[in-house]
Amino acid sequence: MRNIKSILRLPRKWVLIGLLAGMSFGSLAFVNNYFELSKNIEIFTALYREVNTYYVDEIDPAKFMRTGIDAMLKSLDPYTDYISESEIEDFRFMTTGQYGGIGALISKKEEDVMIADPYEGFPAQKADLRAGDILLEVAGENMRGKNTEDVSKLLKGQPKTEVKVKIKRLGEDKPLEKVLIREEIKVNSVAYSGMVDAEVGYINLSGFRTNAASEVQKAFTELKKQGMKKLVFDLRGNLGGSLDEAIRICGMFVPRGSVVVDTKGKVKEWDKTYRTTNEPIDAQMPMVVLIDGSSASASEIVSGVVQDYDRGVVIGQKSFGKGLVQTVRPLTYNTQVKITTAKYYIPSGRCIQAINYSEKDNQNRPVKTPDSLRTAFKTRNGRVVYDAGGVTPDLNIPVRQMSNITAVLVGKRLVFDFATEYRSKNATLAAPENFAVTDDIYKQFLDFIKDKDYTYTTESERVLNDFKEKATKEEYFSAIEAEYNALLEKKKSDKSQDVMKHQEEIKEMLAQEIVSRYYFQQGRLRASFKEDLEMKEALAVLANEGKYKSILSGK
């Protein structure tokens, strides 16, 4: 028998053949897969080299490769993603909520970049930068024509370093200069917490970033000191985040050792059951969890656990339906890949993944599992719940449809711009819960928009236009032209009244935007409670002990 040294001296091809010859028949699948992988990598490398060498125009190698990587990963699912070295910092912010900078959202306004939303308690707000301020210069560099990515890079930097900005503010004759001291910006996962009334506390969780569970526990403890006996836990718009943080948050409300989630993937050694590890802070307090169509991933784990253990009532709209787990794995040259490695299953045994990315329809689109194929499971109390379509709330509240006119006024930033003007003329404002857009303020808004463009095309107008084109083509239009034009004029007349017909809805948007100028993100949220249908239903359910218990018992 040859010793190991003699084997190592053999050509690599001989060693591979020898190893393959020694494999069992059951290993052939592995061998075939290995051969296919090697073959296709060689083909890809050869193609890349040939195109880069001989293509008629110059090719940016990095951009060319990135296009190929993105297209390859896009064929799998939307969550498997390549993270280049230049994107590492943005990815870190998404997962931790931390970065060095001034603490403000910026956005484009024609050729300018403006402050869109300063965060309370951070450098931008401390230096009195306001929403609507136009950035003229950053660090002495003219910002006219710059995109938001370029401006963001200039505003970010090491904590405790200075950045000088020159701004143009509505109502000020001359530009203002500000010196900001950058800080380590930590965007809290708990966007707001407070008492809604004498007994009901409210916690809004915007994401599952690092330390989200600690923030929830701190907010919960503080609210109990203020007399909280019931809880509204708001996960609407929460796209998810850390699985570990979701498990810790579940552990605050269900008994220690409770199963939270099972993860199962192709690599069986990685399959795992996650349980709560600490004693709950309160496993009995009546609670309502609010969800909507944007509540995804970790949000669906928490709301699903609450539902499966009949721990609380879930109210709102069906959640997004993301039952996939991603793992971040390092690559070479300080790059990473975020790859889907498993599906997760909540305590009842269901996976709430709505879309099957491994199957495609005849237009090569991933297939959404129809309701008829969803499988029934049961909660601890025997209530029927279903897989493959997100978490279905115990009480469904129909989505409020925003009118066309309101959507246009918001989309064209006329609501935003009016709030900026209002702030320039009014130094103070009543508390968010007490402020309302009066008829006088609304009249000011109507005066503000009277010379602005807020035209829009309704669905019925599009249908009428299609009808005209087809009737003209078929040579019938001349016979009905008068009636058509009369109908169109009537439609235009009705549209002109939309600002009055939908004034209550528009007032609501105005109130939230104006309040945010004085009380920032928390103020906007507090101002929304008055017309929040899900919040009203949550308070009604918590106030009715019989109804609360009957929902959880399945009766």
Protein backbone atom coordinates (compact mmCIF):
# COMPACT_ATOMS: atom_id res chain seq x y z
CA MET A 1 0.00 0.00 0.00
CA ARG A 2 1.34 3.41 -0.89
CA ASN A 3 1.99 5.74 1.96
CA ILE A 4 0.40 9.17 2.19
CA LYS A 5 3.50 10.93 0.86
CA SER A 6 3.45 8.95 -2.37
CA ILE A 7 -0.21 9.76 -2.85
CA LEU A 8 0.46 13.45 -2.36
CA ARG A 9 3.12 13.29 -5.08
CA LEU A 10 0.60 12.02 -7.66
CA PRO A 11 -0.88 14.50 -10.13
CA ARG A 12 -4.01 16.20 -8.67
CA LYS A 13 -6.23 14.63 -11.37
CA TRP A 14 -5.05 11.11 -10.36
CA VAL A 15 -5.73 11.84 -6.71
CA LEU A 16 -9.27 13.00 -7.56
CA ILE A 17 -9.91 9.89 -9.70
CA GLY A 18 -8.57 7.66 -6.95
CA LEU A 19 -10.79 9.31 -4.37
CA LEU A 20 -13.84 9.04 -6.59
CA ALA A 21 -13.14 5.36 -7.25
CA GLY A 22 -13.19 4.73 -3.52
CA MET A 23 -16.56 6.37 -2.97
CA SER A 24 -19.72 4.36 -2.48
CA PHE A 25 -22.50 4.31 -5.03
CA GLY A 26 -24.55 6.55 -2.74
CA SER A 27 -21.99 9.34 -3.18
CA LEU A 28 -22.53 9.65 -6.95
CA ALA A 29 -25.02 12.48 -6.48
CA PHE A 30 -22.36 14.45 -4.65
CA VAL A 31 -19.79 13.67 -7.36
CA ASN A 32 -22.13 14.77 -10.15
CA ASN A 33 -22.99 17.96 -8.30
CA TYR A 34 -19.29 18.68 -7.70
CA PHE A 35 -18.50 18.10 -11.39
CA GLU A 36 -21.36 20.38 -12.52
CA LEU A 37 -20.22 23.08 -10.11
CA SER A 38 -16.59 22.90 -11.29
CA LYS A 39 -17.59 22.80 -14.96
CA ASN A 40 -19.86 25.83 -14.75
CA ILE A 41 -17.36 27.87 -12.75
CA GLU A 42 -14.79 27.20 -15.49
CA ILE A 43 -17.30 28.22 -18.19
CA PHE A 44 -18.18 31.41 -16.30
CA THR A 45 -14.51 32.32 -15.81
CA ALA A 46 -13.69 31.68 -19.47
CA LEU A 47 -16.66 33.73 -20.67
CA TYR A 48 -15.84 36.63 -18.35
CA ARG A 49 -12.21 36.65 -19.52
CA GLU A 50 -13.11 36.50 -23.23
CA VAL A 51 -15.73 39.25 -23.10
CA ASN A 52 -13.50 41.49 -21.00
CA THR A 53 -10.62 40.99 -23.44
CA TYR A 54 -12.36 41.18 -26.82
CA TYR A 55 -15.59 43.18 -26.42
CA VAL A 56 -15.66 46.16 -28.80
CA ASP A 57 -15.89 48.78 -26.01
CA GLU A 58 -14.09 49.11 -22.69
CA ILE A 59 -15.74 47.22 -19.84
CA ASP A 60 -15.63 48.08 -16.16
CA PRO A 61 -14.67 44.66 -14.72
CA ALA A 62 -16.17 45.31 -11.28
CA LYS A 63 -19.46 46.65 -12.68
CA PHE A 64 -19.64 43.80 -15.22
CA MET A 65 -19.16 41.18 -12.51
CA ARG A 66 -21.64 42.87 -10.17
CA THR A 67 -24.28 42.74 -12.91
CA GLY A 68 -23.73 39.00 -13.23
CA ILE A 69 -23.80 38.42 -9.47
CA ASP A 70 -27.00 40.43 -9.01
CA ALA A 71 -28.78 38.63 -11.86
CA MET A 72 -27.68 35.25 -10.53
CA LEU A 73 -28.93 35.93 -6.99
CA LYS A 74 -32.13 37.57 -8.25
CA SER A 75 -33.13 34.22 -9.75
CA LEU A 76 -33.30 32.78 -6.21
CA ASP A 77 -35.27 35.14 -3.96
CA PRO A 78 -35.30 38.87 -3.08
CA TYR A 79 -33.46 38.33 0.20
CA THR A 80 -30.28 36.62 -0.98
CA ASP A 81 -27.96 39.53 -1.65
CA TYR A 82 -24.31 40.36 -2.32
CA ILE A 83 -22.80 43.04 -0.07
CA SER A 84 -19.76 44.77 -1.54
CA GLU A 85 -17.04 46.37 0.56
CA SER A 86 -18.49 49.84 -0.10
CA GLU A 87 -21.93 48.70 1.13
CA ILE A 88 -20.75 47.20 4.42
CA GLU A 89 -21.37 50.42 6.36
CA ASP A 90 -24.95 50.75 5.09
CA PHE A 91 -25.58 47.09 5.91
CA ARG A 92 -24.24 47.61 9.43
CA PHE A 93 -26.67 50.50 9.90
CA MET A 94 -29.59 48.33 8.75
CA THR A 95 -28.76 45.64 11.30
CA THR A 96 -27.61 47.79 14.23
CA GLY A 97 -29.17 51.19 13.59
CA GLN A 98 -25.77 52.77 14.26
CA TYR A 99 -23.64 55.14 12.18
CA GLY A 100 -21.51 58.23 12.67
CA GLY A 101 -23.26 61.35 11.44
CA ILE A 102 -25.75 64.12 12.16
CA GLY A 103 -28.98 62.11 12.60
CA ALA A 104 -31.27 63.30 9.83
CA LEU A 105 -32.97 61.96 6.73
CA ILE A 106 -32.27 63.92 3.56
CA SER A 107 -34.11 63.93 0.23
CA LYS A 108 -33.88 65.44 -3.23
CA LYS A 109 -35.92 68.53 -4.16
CA GLU A 110 -35.39 69.30 -7.83
CA GLU A 111 -31.68 70.26 -8.05
CA ASP A 112 -31.27 70.66 -4.30
CA VAL A 113 -30.92 68.31 -1.35
CA MET A 114 -32.91 69.17 1.76
CA ILE A 115 -33.35 68.02 5.32
CA ALA A 116 -36.45 65.80 5.29
CA ASP A 117 -36.64 64.56 8.88
CA PRO A 118 -34.22 65.39 11.73
CA TYR A 119 -34.12 62.85 14.57
CA GLU A 120 -34.88 64.23 18.00
CA GLY A 121 -31.90 64.45 20.33
CA PHE A 122 -29.22 64.14 17.63
CA PRO A 123 -26.80 66.72 16.15
CA ALA A 124 -29.10 67.97 13.34
CA GLN A 125 -31.95 68.71 15.76
CA LYS A 126 -29.59 70.08 18.44
CA ALA A 127 -28.23 72.55 15.87
CA ASP A 128 -31.82 73.49 14.93
CA LEU A 129 -31.73 72.05 11.42
CA ARG A 130 -35.36 71.76 10.35
CA ALA A 131 -37.33 69.72 7.85
CA GLY A 132 -37.41 71.73 4.62
CA ASP A 133 -34.00 73.37 5.08
CA ILE A 134 -32.06 73.37 1.79
CA LEU A 135 -28.42 72.30 2.06
CA LEU A 136 -26.41 74.89 0.12
CA GLU A 137 -22.95 73.78 1.28
CA VAL A 138 -21.50 70.90 3.30
CA ALA A 139 -17.87 71.17 4.44
CA GLY A 140 -17.44 74.11 2.04
CA GLU A 141 -18.63 72.11 -0.98
CA ASN A 142 -21.55 73.32 -3.12
CA MET A 143 -24.47 70.87 -2.91
CA ARG A 144 -26.42 72.10 -5.94
CA GLY A 145 -27.00 69.21 -8.32
CA LYS A 146 -25.59 66.58 -5.94
CA ASN A 147 -27.46 63.33 -5.29
CA THR A 148 -28.43 62.22 -1.80
CA GLU A 149 -25.74 59.48 -1.69
CA ASP A 150 -22.94 62.02 -2.23
CA VAL A 151 -24.35 64.42 0.34
CA SER A 152 -24.86 61.61 2.86
CA LYS A 153 -21.19 60.62 2.60
CA LEU A 154 -20.13 64.19 3.42
CA LEU A 155 -22.48 64.41 6.42
CA LYS A 156 -21.34 61.09 7.86
CA GLY A 157 -18.03 60.72 9.63
CA GLN A 158 -16.23 59.86 12.82
CA PRO A 159 -18.03 60.84 16.04
CA LYS A 160 -16.82 64.08 17.73
CA THR A 161 -15.70 65.58 14.41
CA GLU A 162 -17.11 68.85 13.07
CA VAL A 163 -19.03 69.40 9.86
CA LYS A 164 -20.06 72.86 8.72
CA VAL A 165 -23.23 73.35 6.71
CA LYS A 166 -24.79 76.36 5.04
CA ILE A 167 -28.56 76.22 4.66
CA LYS A 168 -31.37 78.16 3.03
CA ARG A 169 -34.46 78.39 5.25
CA LEU A 170 -37.93 79.56 4.33
CA GLY A 171 -38.63 82.90 6.00
CA GLU A 172 -34.95 83.83 6.38
CA ASP A 173 -33.46 86.48 4.08
CA LYS A 174 -29.88 85.21 4.29
CA PRO A 175 -28.36 81.72 4.38
CA LEU A 176 -27.69 80.29 7.84
CA GLU A 177 -24.41 78.62 8.82
CA LYS A 178 -24.36 75.78 11.34
CA VAL A 179 -21.52 73.82 12.92
CA LEU A 180 -22.54 70.29 13.87
CA ILE A 181 -20.59 67.82 15.99
CA ARG A 182 -21.09 64.35 14.59
CA GLU A 183 -22.16 61.62 17.00
CA GLU A 184 -22.49 57.85 16.98
CA ILE A 185 -26.10 57.75 15.81
CA LYS A 186 -28.17 54.94 17.28
CA VAL A 187 -31.67 54.79 15.87
CA ASN A 188 -33.83 53.19 18.55
CA SER A 189 -35.94 50.18 17.68
CA VAL A 190 -38.66 51.42 20.06
CA ALA A 191 -39.93 54.44 18.15
CA TYR A 192 -42.29 55.51 20.93
CA SER A 193 -43.79 54.27 24.18
CA GLY A 194 -46.32 55.89 26.47
CA MET A 195 -49.62 55.59 28.28
CA VAL A 196 -52.71 55.88 26.07
CA ASP A 197 -55.05 56.14 29.06
CA ALA A 198 -54.94 55.35 32.78
CA GLU A 199 -54.51 51.58 32.20
CA VAL A 200 -53.32 50.98 28.61
CA GLY A 201 -49.68 51.29 27.66
CA TYR A 202 -48.40 51.51 24.10
CA ILE A 203 -45.06 50.38 22.61
CA ASN A 204 -44.22 50.97 18.95
CA LEU A 205 -41.38 48.76 17.70
CA SER A 206 -40.06 49.96 14.33
CA GLY A 207 -37.40 47.28 13.81
CA PHE A 208 -35.54 44.35 15.36
CA ARG A 209 -32.11 45.95 15.52
CA THR A 210 -29.38 45.18 18.02
CA ASN A 211 -30.70 45.67 21.59
CA ALA A 212 -34.35 45.84 20.45
CA ALA A 213 -35.37 43.44 23.24
CA SER A 214 -33.61 45.53 25.89
CA GLU A 215 -35.44 48.62 24.63
CA VAL A 216 -38.80 46.85 24.76
CA GLN A 217 -38.11 45.59 28.29
CA LYS A 218 -37.07 49.06 29.44
CA ALA A 219 -40.20 50.64 27.94
CA PHE A 220 -42.43 47.93 29.41
CA THR A 221 -40.93 48.34 32.90
CA GLU A 222 -41.35 52.11 32.77
CA LEU A 223 -44.98 51.83 31.66
CA LYS A 224 -45.77 49.40 34.50
CA LYS A 225 -44.42 52.01 36.92
CA GLN A 226 -46.91 54.45 35.39
CA GLY A 227 -49.80 52.08 36.07
CA MET A 228 -50.01 50.01 32.89
CA LYS A 229 -52.35 47.02 33.23
CA LYS A 230 -52.86 46.31 29.51
CA LEU A 231 -50.57 46.62 26.50
CA VAL A 232 -50.85 47.57 22.83
CA PHE A 233 -47.72 46.33 21.02
CA ASP A 234 -47.49 47.95 17.58
CA LEU A 235 -45.56 46.05 14.87
CA ARG A 236 -47.15 47.77 11.88
CA GLY A 237 -44.63 48.72 9.22
CA ASN A 238 -41.94 46.70 11.02
CA LEU A 239 -39.99 44.85 8.31
CA GLY A 240 -38.14 42.63 10.78
CA GLY A 241 -34.47 42.18 11.60
CA SER A 242 -32.61 40.06 14.11
CA LEU A 243 -34.04 36.60 14.87
CA ASP A 244 -32.28 36.62 18.27
CA GLU A 245 -34.01 39.86 19.25
CA ALA A 246 -37.39 38.42 18.20
CA ILE A 247 -36.80 35.36 20.40
CA ARG A 248 -35.87 37.53 23.39
CA ILE A 249 -38.98 39.68 22.95
CA CYS A 250 -41.20 36.59 22.75
CA GLY A 251 -39.57 35.42 25.98
CA MET A 252 -40.93 38.47 27.78
CA PHE A 253 -44.53 37.31 27.35
CA VAL A 254 -44.55 33.49 27.29
CA PRO A 255 -43.23 30.97 29.86
CA ARG A 256 -39.55 30.10 29.99
CA GLY A 257 -38.63 27.16 27.75
CA SER A 258 -41.44 27.83 25.25
CA VAL A 259 -40.65 27.00 21.64
CA VAL A 260 -40.49 30.20 19.58
CA VAL A 261 -39.38 28.96 16.20
CA ASP A 262 -37.86 25.97 14.37
CA THR A 263 -35.53 26.66 11.46
CA LYS A 264 -35.10 23.99 8.77
CA GLY A 265 -32.95 24.12 5.65
CA LYS A 266 -30.88 22.03 3.24
CA VAL A 267 -27.99 21.66 5.69
CA LYS A 268 -29.67 19.47 8.31
CA GLU A 269 -26.88 20.06 10.83
CA TRP A 270 -27.99 23.70 10.96
CA ASP A 271 -31.64 22.90 11.78
CA LYS A 272 -32.42 24.29 15.19
CA THR A 273 -35.22 24.77 17.71
CA TYR A 274 -35.18 28.14 19.49
CA ARG A 275 -36.77 28.40 22.94
CA THR A 276 -37.16 31.22 25.41
CA THR A 277 -34.38 31.19 27.98
CA ASN A 278 -35.46 33.73 30.61
CA GLU A 279 -38.42 34.10 32.90
CA PRO A 280 -41.09 36.34 31.31
CA ILE A 281 -41.53 39.87 32.59
CA ASP A 282 -45.32 39.37 32.36
CA ALA A 283 -47.03 36.26 30.97
CA GLN A 284 -50.56 37.29 32.02
CA MET A 285 -51.14 40.96 31.15
CA PRO A 286 -53.83 41.38 28.45
CA MET A 287 -52.18 42.50 25.25
CA VAL A 288 -53.02 43.35 21.65
CA VAL A 289 -50.48 43.11 18.82
CA LEU A 290 -51.05 45.37 15.80
CA ILE A 291 -49.83 44.18 12.38
CA ASP A 292 -50.28 45.13 8.74
CA GLY A 293 -49.11 44.10 5.28
CA SER A 294 -45.64 45.51 5.96
CA SER A 295 -45.12 43.52 9.17
CA ALA A 296 -42.57 40.93 8.07
CA SER A 297 -40.07 38.31 9.22
CA ALA A 298 -39.23 38.90 12.90
CA SER A 299 -42.52 40.82 13.29
CA GLU A 300 -44.36 37.75 12.06
CA ILE A 301 -42.47 35.53 14.49
CA VAL A 302 -43.52 37.68 17.46
CA SER A 303 -47.14 38.15 16.34
CA GLY A 304 -47.34 34.46 15.33
CA VAL A 305 -46.01 33.31 18.71
CA VAL A 306 -48.51 35.54 20.53
CA GLN A 307 -51.29 34.06 18.39
CA ASP A 308 -50.17 30.41 18.54
CA TYR A 309 -49.93 30.47 22.35
CA ASP A 310 -53.20 32.46 22.60
CA ARG A 311 -51.18 34.99 24.58
CA GLY A 312 -52.89 38.04 23.10
CA VAL A 313 -55.21 39.28 20.36
CA VAL A 314 -53.74 40.14 16.95
CA ILE A 315 -55.47 43.04 15.17
CA GLY A 316 -54.94 44.67 11.77
CA GLN A 317 -54.31 43.23 8.31
CA LYS A 318 -52.64 40.03 7.12
CA SER A 319 -48.86 40.28 7.50
CA PHE A 320 -46.35 40.17 4.64
CA GLY A 321 -45.60 36.43 4.65
CA LYS A 322 -41.81 36.12 4.93
CA GLY A 323 -40.91 32.80 6.51
CA LEU A 324 -37.30 32.66 5.30
CA VAL A 325 -34.13 32.93 7.38
CA GLN A 326 -31.01 34.67 6.07
CA THR A 327 -27.43 34.08 7.20
CA VAL A 328 -24.61 36.52 6.48
CA ARG A 329 -21.43 34.73 5.36
CA PRO A 330 -18.03 36.33 4.71
CA LEU A 331 -16.44 36.31 1.27
CA THR A 332 -13.03 37.47 0.09
CA TYR A 333 -11.86 41.12 -0.06
CA ASN A 334 -14.09 42.23 2.81
CA THR A 335 -17.32 41.37 0.98
CA GLN A 336 -20.26 39.35 2.25
CA VAL A 337 -23.28 37.45 1.04
CA LYS A 338 -26.64 37.45 2.80
CA ILE A 339 -28.07 34.08 1.82
CA THR A 340 -31.39 32.37 2.54
CA THR A 341 -30.47 29.23 4.46
CA ALA A 342 -33.72 28.02 6.03
CA LYS A 343 -37.44 28.39 6.52
CA TYR A 344 -38.85 29.03 9.95
CA TYR A 345 -41.83 27.38 11.61
CA ILE A 346 -43.65 28.98 14.54
CA PRO A 347 -45.06 27.01 17.54
CA SER A 348 -48.22 25.68 15.86
CA GLY A 349 -45.98 24.10 13.22
CA ARG A 350 -46.87 26.47 10.39
CA CYS A 351 -44.49 28.31 8.07
CA ILE A 352 -45.99 31.64 7.07
CA GLN A 353 -43.93 32.02 3.85
CA ALA A 354 -46.40 33.27 1.20
CA ILE A 355 -44.36 32.96 -2.00
CA ASN A 356 -42.65 29.83 -3.32
CA TYR A 357 -39.54 31.14 -5.08
CA SER A 358 -38.54 27.68 -6.30
CA GLU A 359 -41.60 27.52 -8.56
CA LYS A 360 -42.32 29.90 -11.44
CA ASP A 361 -45.42 30.56 -13.52
CA ASN A 362 -45.45 30.80 -17.34
CA GLN A 363 -44.13 34.37 -17.10
CA ASN A 364 -41.22 33.26 -14.90
CA ARG A 365 -42.68 34.88 -11.79
CA PRO A 366 -42.53 33.16 -8.40
CA VAL A 367 -45.74 31.46 -7.37
CA LYS A 368 -47.85 32.67 -4.45
CA THR A 369 -49.53 29.87 -2.51
CA PRO A 370 -53.32 30.13 -3.10
CA ASP A 371 -55.64 30.14 -0.10
CA SER A 372 -57.11 26.82 -1.24
CA LEU A 373 -53.75 25.10 -0.71
CA ARG A 374 -52.99 26.56 2.71
CA THR A 375 -52.79 23.97 5.48
CA ALA A 376 -54.71 24.33 8.76
CA PHE A 377 -52.93 24.24 12.12
CA LYS A 378 -54.18 24.88 15.66
CA THR A 379 -53.23 27.26 18.44
CA ARG A 380 -52.83 26.10 22.03
CA ASN A 381 -56.54 26.70 22.66
CA GLY A 382 -57.52 24.88 19.46
CA ARG A 383 -58.18 27.88 17.25
CA VAL A 384 -57.57 27.20 13.54
CA VAL A 385 -54.73 29.12 11.88
CA TYR A 386 -53.18 28.67 8.45
CA ASP A 387 -49.70 28.53 6.93
CA ALA A 388 -48.24 29.94 3.70
CA GLY A 389 -49.75 33.41 3.69
CA GLY A 390 -48.51 35.50 6.58
CA VAL A 391 -50.18 35.87 9.96
CA THR A 392 -53.92 36.42 9.62
CA PRO A 393 -55.13 38.72 12.43
CA ASP A 394 -57.79 37.60 14.88
CA LEU A 395 -59.69 40.79 14.06
CA ASN A 396 -59.25 42.11 10.53
CA ILE A 397 -59.49 45.88 10.00
CA PRO A 398 -59.86 46.82 6.32
CA VAL A 399 -57.06 48.99 4.95
CA ARG A 400 -58.03 52.63 4.67
CA GLN A 401 -57.82 53.66 1.03
CA MET A 402 -56.32 57.11 0.58
CA SER A 403 -58.21 59.27 -1.92
CA ASN A 404 -56.55 60.29 -5.18
CA ILE A 405 -56.38 63.94 -4.17
CA THR A 406 -54.74 63.22 -0.81
CA ALA A 407 -52.21 60.88 -2.40
CA VAL A 408 -51.27 63.56 -4.95
CA LEU A 409 -50.98 66.33 -2.35
CA VAL A 410 -48.70 64.12 -0.26
CA GLY A 411 -46.79 62.71 -3.24
CA LYS A 412 -46.07 66.15 -4.72
CA ARG A 413 -44.87 67.34 -1.30
CA LEU A 414 -47.49 70.07 -1.02
CA VAL A 415 -48.45 68.84 2.46
CA PHE A 416 -44.74 68.77 3.38
CA ASP A 417 -44.10 72.26 1.97
CA PHE A 418 -47.12 73.76 3.72
CA ALA A 419 -45.93 72.32 7.05
CA THR A 420 -42.53 73.92 6.41
CA GLU A 421 -44.20 77.28 5.79
CA TYR A 422 -46.42 76.87 8.85
CA ARG A 423 -43.36 76.20 11.04
CA SER A 424 -41.63 79.31 9.70
CA LYS A 425 -44.55 81.45 10.88
CA ASN A 426 -45.40 79.73 14.19
CA ALA A 427 -42.78 79.20 16.89
CA THR A 428 -44.81 76.86 19.10
CA LEU A 429 -47.55 74.26 18.80
CA ALA A 430 -49.99 72.52 21.13
CA ALA A 431 -49.24 68.96 22.24
CA PRO A 432 -49.75 66.38 19.43
CA GLU A 433 -52.86 64.95 21.08
CA ASN A 434 -54.42 68.42 21.33
CA PHE A 435 -53.49 69.92 17.97
CA ALA A 436 -56.00 69.90 15.14
CA VAL A 437 -56.06 71.53 11.72
CA THR A 438 -58.83 74.09 12.05
CA ASP A 439 -60.94 75.43 9.21
CA ASP A 440 -58.79 78.57 9.28
CA ILE A 441 -55.56 76.55 8.87
CA TYR A 442 -57.19 74.54 6.09
CA LYS A 443 -58.13 77.77 4.31
CA GLN A 444 -54.46 78.79 4.54
CA PHE A 445 -53.56 75.47 2.93
CA LEU A 446 -56.07 76.01 0.09
CA ASP A 447 -54.55 79.44 -0.53
CA PHE A 448 -51.09 77.85 -0.49
CA ILE A 449 -51.92 75.27 -3.21
CA LYS A 450 -54.12 77.41 -5.46
CA ASP A 451 -51.22 78.24 -7.80
CA LYS A 452 -49.56 74.79 -7.45
CA ASP A 453 -49.86 71.83 -9.80
CA TYR A 454 -51.77 68.96 -8.21
CA THR A 455 -53.49 67.56 -11.26
CA TYR A 456 -53.98 63.82 -11.46
CA THR A 457 -55.62 61.23 -13.68
CA THR A 458 -58.26 58.97 -12.19
CA GLU A 459 -58.91 55.39 -13.26
CA SER A 460 -62.24 56.43 -14.80
CA GLU A 461 -60.46 59.13 -16.85
CA ARG A 462 -58.02 56.54 -18.15
CA VAL A 463 -60.95 54.33 -19.12
CA LEU A 464 -62.61 57.27 -20.90
CA ASN A 465 -59.40 58.04 -22.77
CA ASP A 466 -59.05 54.39 -23.85
CA PHE A 467 -62.67 54.44 -24.98
CA LYS A 468 -62.06 57.57 -27.07
CA GLU A 469 -59.01 56.03 -28.77
CA LYS A 470 -60.85 52.83 -29.65
CA ALA A 471 -64.02 54.63 -30.74
CA THR A 472 -61.98 56.95 -32.96
CA LYS A 473 -60.14 54.00 -34.49
CA GLU A 474 -63.47 52.29 -35.22
CA GLU A 475 -64.89 55.60 -36.59
CA TYR A 476 -67.73 55.80 -34.05
CA PHE A 477 -66.43 58.71 -31.97
CA SER A 478 -67.83 61.60 -34.02
CA ALA A 479 -71.38 60.40 -33.30
CA ILE A 480 -70.89 60.56 -29.52
CA GLU A 481 -68.30 63.34 -29.22
CA ALA A 482 -70.69 65.84 -27.64
CA GLU A 483 -71.82 63.40 -24.95
CA TYR A 484 -68.21 62.36 -24.34
CA ASN A 485 -67.02 65.95 -23.87
CA ALA A 486 -69.95 66.70 -21.54
CA LEU A 487 -69.10 63.67 -19.43
CA LEU A 488 -65.44 64.73 -19.30
CA GLU A 489 -66.36 68.26 -18.21
CA LYS A 490 -68.62 66.88 -15.48
CA LYS A 491 -65.75 64.70 -14.30
CA LYS A 492 -63.37 67.68 -14.20
CA SER A 493 -65.93 69.69 -12.22
CA ASP A 494 -66.25 66.88 -9.67
CA LYS A 495 -62.45 66.63 -9.33
CA SER A 496 -62.18 70.35 -8.58
CA GLN A 497 -64.29 69.74 -5.47
CA ASP A 498 -62.06 66.93 -4.20
CA VAL A 499 -60.10 69.20 -1.83
CA MET A 500 -63.37 69.95 -0.04
CA LYS A 501 -64.91 66.50 -0.34
CA HIS A 502 -61.84 64.86 1.24
CA GLN A 503 -60.85 67.67 3.57
CA GLU A 504 -61.02 65.57 6.75
CA GLU A 505 -58.53 63.09 5.34
CA ILE A 506 -56.28 65.90 4.08
CA LYS A 507 -56.50 67.63 7.45
CA GLU A 508 -55.30 64.42 9.08
CA MET A 509 -52.20 64.33 6.86
CA LEU A 510 -51.57 68.02 7.46
CA ALA A 511 -51.84 67.60 11.23
CA GLN A 512 -49.27 64.79 11.32
CA GLU A 513 -46.82 66.69 9.10
CA ILE A 514 -47.17 69.95 11.04
CA VAL A 515 -46.82 68.18 14.41
CA SER A 516 -43.63 66.47 13.20
CA ARG A 517 -42.02 69.91 12.75
CA TYR A 518 -42.24 70.48 16.50
CA TYR A 519 -42.35 67.01 18.08
CA PHE A 520 -40.51 64.96 15.44
CA GLN A 521 -41.16 61.26 14.82
CA GLN A 522 -42.84 60.61 18.16
CA GLY A 523 -45.16 63.55 17.65
CA ARG A 524 -46.24 62.32 14.24
CA LEU A 525 -47.13 58.96 15.78
CA ARG A 526 -49.03 60.46 18.69
CA ALA A 527 -50.98 62.73 16.34
CA SER A 528 -52.09 59.73 14.29
CA PHE A 529 -53.85 58.00 17.20
CA LYS A 530 -57.04 60.07 16.88
CA GLU A 531 -57.97 58.57 13.50
CA ASP A 532 -56.20 55.21 13.91
CA LEU A 533 -58.86 52.52 13.32
CA GLU A 534 -56.65 49.64 14.51
CA MET A 535 -55.78 51.55 17.67
CA LYS A 536 -59.45 52.27 18.36
CA GLU A 537 -60.30 48.57 17.95
CA ALA A 538 -57.41 47.55 20.21
CA LEU A 539 -58.64 49.85 22.99
CA ALA A 540 -62.20 48.58 22.56
CA VAL A 541 -61.09 44.93 22.84
CA LEU A 542 -58.92 45.60 25.89
CA ALA A 543 -61.81 47.44 27.54
CA ASN A 544 -64.12 44.44 27.03
CA GLU A 545 -62.76 41.53 29.06
CA GLY A 546 -65.47 39.15 27.84
CA LYS A 547 -64.75 39.82 24.18
CA TYR A 548 -60.99 39.56 24.75
CA LYS A 549 -61.33 36.13 26.38
CA SER A 550 -63.84 34.85 23.84
CA ILE A 551 -61.50 35.68 20.95
CA LEU A 552 -58.63 33.76 22.56
CA SER A 553 -60.84 30.80 23.44
CA GLY A 554 -62.05 30.50 19.85
CA LYS A 555 -65.69 31.12 20.71
